[in-house]
Amino acid sequence: MKNLQSEALLQEICKLRDDLHKIYNENKKVTKEVLLVSTKLDHRINSYVKLLIEEDNN
């Protein structure tokens, strides 16, 4: 179950990273949209790390 969760989170992280690069490269500056995607990406990375730590502790 947790492997599926971690895989889903990793896929979402990759998508958000790609979205962030695309949005930034459109204007070559930090916009509200870039900050929003960056914040989502940060939260997903934190969730992924926490999940990996939980898996290691079990």
PDB file of N, CA and C in Angstrom:
ATOM      1  N   MET A   1       0.822  -1.204   0.000  1.00  0.00           N
ATOM      2  CA  MET A   1       0.000   0.000   0.000  1.00  0.00           C
ATOM      3  C   MET A   1       0.859   1.257   0.000  1.00  0.00           C
ATOM      4  N   LYS A   2       1.839   1.302   0.924  1.00  0.00           N
ATOM      5  CA  LYS A   2       2.682   2.486   0.991  1.00  0.00           C
ATOM      6  C   LYS A   2       3.549   2.625  -0.250  1.00  0.00           C
ATOM      7  N   ASN A   3       3.920   1.486  -0.871  1.00  0.00           N
ATOM      8  CA  ASN A   3       4.678   1.562  -2.110  1.00  0.00           C
ATOM      9  C   ASN A   3       3.868   2.249  -3.199  1.00  0.00           C
ATOM     10  N   LEU A   4       2.570   1.967  -3.243  1.00  0.00           N
ATOM     11  CA  LEU A   4       1.702   2.635  -4.208  1.00  0.00           C
ATOM     12  C   LEU A   4       1.596   4.119  -3.902  1.00  0.00           C
ATOM     13  N   GLN A   5       1.507   4.453  -2.619  1.00  0.00           N
ATOM     14  CA  GLN A   5       1.450   5.856  -2.220  1.00  0.00           C
ATOM     15  C   GLN A   5       2.740   6.572  -2.597  1.00  0.00           C
ATOM     16  N   SER A   6       3.868   5.956  -2.309  1.00  0.00           N
ATOM     17  CA  SER A   6       5.140   6.607  -2.607  1.00  0.00           C
ATOM     18  C   SER A   6       5.329   6.746  -4.112  1.00  0.00           C
ATOM     19  N   GLU A   7       4.901   5.750  -4.881  1.00  0.00           N
ATOM     20  CA  GLU A   7       5.003   5.833  -6.343  1.00  0.00           C
ATOM     21  C   GLU A   7       4.113   6.951  -6.879  1.00  0.00           C
ATOM     22  N   ALA A   8       2.902   7.066  -6.352  1.00  0.00           N
ATOM     23  CA  ALA A   8       1.986   8.124  -6.783  1.00  0.00           C
ATOM     24  C   ALA A   8       2.545   9.498  -6.430  1.00  0.00           C
ATOM     25  N   LEU A   9       3.103   9.622  -5.228  1.00  0.00           N
ATOM     26  CA  LEU A   9       3.703  10.897  -4.831  1.00  0.00           C
ATOM     27  C   LEU A   9       4.890  11.240  -5.718  1.00  0.00           C
ATOM     28  N   LEU A  10       5.712  10.270  -6.034  1.00  0.00           N
ATOM     29  CA  LEU A  10       6.871  10.506  -6.884  1.00  0.00           C
ATOM     30  C   LEU A  10       6.444  10.950  -8.281  1.00  0.00           C
ATOM     31  N   GLN A  11       5.403  10.345  -8.815  1.00  0.00           N
ATOM     32  CA  GLN A  11       4.882  10.758 -10.123  1.00  0.00           C
ATOM     33  C   GLN A  11       4.348  12.184 -10.071  1.00  0.00           C
ATOM     34  N   GLU A  12       3.661  12.526  -8.993  1.00  0.00           N
ATOM     35  CA  GLU A  12       3.136  13.882  -8.852  1.00  0.00           C
ATOM     36  C   GLU A  12       4.274  14.889  -8.717  1.00  0.00           C
ATOM     37  N   ILE A  13       5.319  14.520  -7.986  1.00  0.00           N
ATOM     38  CA  ILE A  13       6.488  15.388  -7.836  1.00  0.00           C
ATOM     39  C   ILE A  13       7.118  15.662  -9.202  1.00  0.00           C
ATOM     40  N   CYS A  14       7.276  14.628  -9.997  1.00  0.00           N
ATOM     41  CA  CYS A  14       7.865  14.793 -11.330  1.00  0.00           C
ATOM     42  C   CYS A  14       7.001  15.691 -12.209  1.00  0.00           C
ATOM     43  N   LYS A  15       5.681  15.508 -12.143  1.00  0.00           N
ATOM     44  CA  LYS A  15       4.775  16.341 -12.936  1.00  0.00           C
ATOM     45  C   LYS A  15       4.844  17.799 -12.489  1.00  0.00           C
ATOM     46  N   LEU A  16       4.827  18.023 -11.184  1.00  0.00           N
ATOM     47  CA  LEU A  16       4.902  19.392 -10.674  1.00  0.00           C
ATOM     48  C   LEU A  16       6.229  20.046 -11.043  1.00  0.00           C
ATOM     49  N   ARG A  17       7.315  19.281 -10.994  1.00  0.00           N
ATOM     50  CA  ARG A  17       8.624  19.818 -11.385  1.00  0.00           C
ATOM     51  C   ARG A  17       8.599  20.251 -12.849  1.00  0.00           C
ATOM     52  N   ASP A  18       8.035  19.401 -13.709  1.00  0.00           N
ATOM     53  CA  ASP A  18       7.936  19.740 -15.126  1.00  0.00           C
ATOM     54  C   ASP A  18       7.050  20.965 -15.334  1.00  0.00           C
ATOM     55  N   ASP A  19       5.930  21.015 -14.618  1.00  0.00           N
ATOM     56  CA  ASP A  19       5.036  22.175 -14.704  1.00  0.00           C
ATOM     57  C   ASP A  19       5.751  23.447 -14.276  1.00  0.00           C
ATOM     58  N   LEU A  20       6.513  23.351 -13.202  1.00  0.00           N
ATOM     59  CA  LEU A  20       7.239  24.514 -12.692  1.00  0.00           C
ATOM     60  C   LEU A  20       8.221  25.037 -13.732  1.00  0.00           C
ATOM     61  N   HIS A  21       8.977  24.153 -14.348  1.00  0.00           N
ATOM     62  CA  HIS A  21       9.931  24.563 -15.382  1.00  0.00           C
ATOM     63  C   HIS A  21       9.213  25.202 -16.568  1.00  0.00           C
ATOM     64  N   LYS A  22       8.109  24.602 -16.983  1.00  0.00           N
ATOM     65  CA  LYS A  22       7.351  25.122 -18.125  1.00  0.00           C
ATOM     66  C   LYS A  22       6.817  26.525 -17.837  1.00  0.00           C
ATOM     67  N   ILE A  23       6.186  26.683 -16.679  1.00  0.00           N
ATOM     68  CA  ILE A  23       5.597  27.976 -16.322  1.00  0.00           C
ATOM     69  C   ILE A  23       6.678  29.041 -16.197  1.00  0.00           C
ATOM     70  N   TYR A  24       7.781  28.705 -15.549  1.00  0.00           N
ATOM     71  CA  TYR A  24       8.859  29.687 -15.388  1.00  0.00           C
ATOM     72  C   TYR A  24       9.448  30.069 -16.743  1.00  0.00           C
ATOM     73  N   ASN A  25       9.667  29.096 -17.598  1.00  0.00           N
ATOM     74  CA  ASN A  25      10.297  29.365 -18.891  1.00  0.00           C
ATOM     75  C   ASN A  25       9.420  30.188 -19.823  1.00  0.00           C
ATOM     76  N   GLU A  26       8.115  30.225 -19.573  1.00  0.00           N
ATOM     77  CA  GLU A  26       7.230  31.049 -20.396  1.00  0.00           C
ATOM     78  C   GLU A  26       7.530  32.534 -20.217  1.00  0.00           C
ATOM     79  N   ASN A  27       7.845  32.963 -19.002  1.00  0.00           N
ATOM     80  CA  ASN A  27       8.059  34.386 -18.721  1.00  0.00           C
ATOM     81  C   ASN A  27       9.466  34.718 -18.264  1.00  0.00           C
ATOM     82  N   LYS A  28      10.221  33.693 -17.884  1.00  0.00           N
ATOM     83  CA  LYS A  28      11.579  33.873 -17.357  1.00  0.00           C
ATOM     84  C   LYS A  28      11.600  34.760 -16.115  1.00  0.00           C
ATOM     85  N   LYS A  29      10.507  34.694 -15.349  1.00  0.00           N
ATOM     86  CA  LYS A  29      10.469  35.400 -14.070  1.00  0.00           C
ATOM     87  C   LYS A  29       9.523  34.679 -13.119  1.00  0.00           C
ATOM     88  N   VAL A  30       9.677  34.981 -11.861  1.00  0.00           N
ATOM     89  CA  VAL A  30       8.847  34.353 -10.837  1.00  0.00           C
ATOM     90  C   VAL A  30       7.506  35.080 -10.787  1.00  0.00           C
ATOM     91  N   THR A  31       6.451  34.314 -10.992  1.00  0.00           N
ATOM     92  CA  THR A  31       5.098  34.859 -10.943  1.00  0.00           C
ATOM     93  C   THR A  31       4.333  34.185  -9.809  1.00  0.00           C
ATOM     94  N   LYS A  32       3.128  34.657  -9.589  1.00  0.00           N
ATOM     95  CA  LYS A  32       2.273  34.046  -8.564  1.00  0.00           C
ATOM     96  C   LYS A  32       2.044  32.564  -8.865  1.00  0.00           C
ATOM     97  N   GLU A  33       1.875  32.242 -10.139  1.00  0.00           N
ATOM     98  CA  GLU A  33       1.652  30.850 -10.539  1.00  0.00           C
ATOM     99  C   GLU A  33       2.890  29.987 -10.264  1.00  0.00           C
ATOM    100  N   VAL A  34       4.067  30.527 -10.521  1.00  0.00           N
ATOM    101  CA  VAL A  34       5.312  29.806 -10.237  1.00  0.00           C
ATOM    102  C   VAL A  34       5.418  29.527  -8.742  1.00  0.00           C
ATOM    103  N   LEU A  35       5.114  30.517  -7.930  1.00  0.00           N
ATOM    104  CA  LEU A  35       5.178  30.333  -6.479  1.00  0.00           C
ATOM    105  C   LEU A  35       4.174  29.294  -5.994  1.00  0.00           C
ATOM    106  N   LEU A  36       2.993  29.286  -6.577  1.00  0.00           N
ATOM    107  CA  LEU A  36       1.968  28.313  -6.198  1.00  0.00           C
ATOM    108  C   LEU A  36       2.424  26.885  -6.513  1.00  0.00           C
ATOM    109  N   VAL A  37       2.926  26.676  -7.719  1.00  0.00           N
ATOM    110  CA  VAL A  37       3.394  25.341  -8.103  1.00  0.00           C
ATOM    111  C   VAL A  37       4.602  24.943  -7.268  1.00  0.00           C
ATOM    112  N   SER A  38       5.473  25.892  -6.998  1.00  0.00           N
ATOM    113  CA  SER A  38       6.654  25.619  -6.181  1.00  0.00           C
ATOM    114  C   SER A  38       6.258  25.187  -4.770  1.00  0.00           C
ATOM    115  N   THR A  39       5.261  25.838  -4.214  1.00  0.00           N
ATOM    116  CA  THR A  39       4.776  25.479  -2.879  1.00  0.00           C
ATOM    117  C   THR A  39       4.156  24.085  -2.879  1.00  0.00           C
ATOM    118  N   LYS A  40       3.351  23.780  -3.901  1.00  0.00           N
ATOM    119  CA  LYS A  40       2.772  22.436  -4.008  1.00  0.00           C
ATOM    120  C   LYS A  40       3.866  21.385  -4.123  1.00  0.00           C
ATOM    121  N   LEU A  41       4.877  21.681  -4.928  1.00  0.00           N
ATOM    122  CA  LEU A  41       5.990  20.758  -5.106  1.00  0.00           C
ATOM    123  C   LEU A  41       6.707  20.520  -3.785  1.00  0.00           C
ATOM    124  N   ASP A  42       6.936  21.573  -3.045  1.00  0.00           N
ATOM    125  CA  ASP A  42       7.598  21.462  -1.741  1.00  0.00           C
ATOM    126  C   ASP A  42       6.794  20.575  -0.787  1.00  0.00           C
ATOM    127  N   HIS A  43       5.491  20.762  -0.749  1.00  0.00           N
ATOM    128  CA  HIS A  43       4.634  19.951   0.124  1.00  0.00           C
ATOM    129  C   HIS A  43       4.667  18.475  -0.274  1.00  0.00           C
ATOM    130  N   ARG A  44       4.634  18.209  -1.572  1.00  0.00           N
ATOM    131  CA  ARG A  44       4.654  16.817  -2.027  1.00  0.00           C
ATOM    132  C   ARG A  44       5.994  16.155  -1.723  1.00  0.00           C
ATOM    133  N   ILE A  45       7.085  16.890  -1.874  1.00  0.00           N
ATOM    134  CA  ILE A  45       8.405  16.344  -1.541  1.00  0.00           C
ATOM    135  C   ILE A  45       8.470  16.020  -0.056  1.00  0.00           C
ATOM    136  N   ASN A  46       7.966  16.917   0.781  1.00  0.00           N
ATOM    137  CA  ASN A  46       7.946  16.656   2.225  1.00  0.00           C
ATOM    138  C   ASN A  46       7.112  15.420   2.555  1.00  0.00           C
ATOM    139  N   SER A  47       5.967  15.276   1.910  1.00  0.00           N
ATOM    140  CA  SER A  47       5.116  14.099   2.134  1.00  0.00           C
ATOM    141  C   SER A  47       5.830  12.826   1.706  1.00  0.00           C
ATOM    142  N   TYR A  48       6.532  12.897   0.599  1.00  0.00           N
ATOM    143  CA  TYR A  48       7.266  11.734   0.092  1.00  0.00           C
ATOM    144  C   TYR A  48       8.368  11.322   1.063  1.00  0.00           C
ATOM    145  N   VAL A  49       9.112  12.289   1.553  1.00  0.00           N
ATOM    146  CA  VAL A  49      10.196  11.999   2.497  1.00  0.00           C
ATOM    147  C   VAL A  49       9.625  11.392   3.780  1.00  0.00           C
ATOM    148  N   LYS A  50       8.543  11.955   4.294  1.00  0.00           N
ATOM    149  CA  LYS A  50       7.918  11.405   5.504  1.00  0.00           C
ATOM    150  C   LYS A  50       7.460   9.969   5.285  1.00  0.00           C
ATOM    151  N   LEU A  51       6.891   9.694   4.130  1.00  0.00           N
ATOM    152  CA  LEU A  51       6.438   8.344   3.823  1.00  0.00           C
ATOM    153  C   LEU A  51       7.619   7.376   3.767  1.00  0.00           C
ATOM    154  N   LEU A  52       8.717   7.797   3.167  1.00  0.00           N
ATOM    155  CA  LEU A  52       9.909   6.943   3.110  1.00  0.00           C
ATOM    156  C   LEU A  52      10.469   6.673   4.506  1.00  0.00           C
ATOM    157  N   ILE A  53      10.450   7.682   5.349  1.00  0.00           N
ATOM    158  CA  ILE A  53      10.931   7.502   6.724  1.00  0.00           C
ATOM    159  C   ILE A  53      10.044   6.504   7.460  1.00  0.00           C
ATOM    160  N   GLU A  54       8.727   6.624   7.287  1.00  0.00           N
ATOM    161  CA  GLU A  54       7.798   5.676   7.913  1.00  0.00           C
ATOM    162  C   GLU A  54       8.057   4.255   7.416  1.00  0.00           C
ATOM    163  N   GLU A  55       8.304   4.107   6.121  1.00  0.00           N
ATOM    164  CA  GLU A  55       8.575   2.782   5.558  1.00  0.00           C
ATOM    165  C   GLU A  55       9.853   2.197   6.147  1.00  0.00           C
ATOM    166  N   ASP A  56      10.869   3.028   6.322  1.00  0.00           N
ATOM    167  CA  ASP A  56      12.138   2.558   6.889  1.00  0.00           C
ATOM    168  C   ASP A  56      11.990   2.148   8.349  1.00  0.00           C
ATOM    169  N   ASN A  57      11.102   2.815   9.068  1.00  0.00           N
ATOM    170  CA  ASN A  57      10.908   2.509  10.488  1.00  0.00           C
ATOM    171  C   ASN A  57      10.101   1.235  10.711  1.00  0.00           C
ATOM    172  N   ASN A  58       9.442   0.761   9.680  1.00  0.00           N
ATOM    173  CA  ASN A  58       8.629  -0.468   9.820  1.00  0.00           C
ATOM    174  C   ASN A  58       9.385  -1.685   9.400  1.00  0.00           C
TER     175      ASN A  58
END
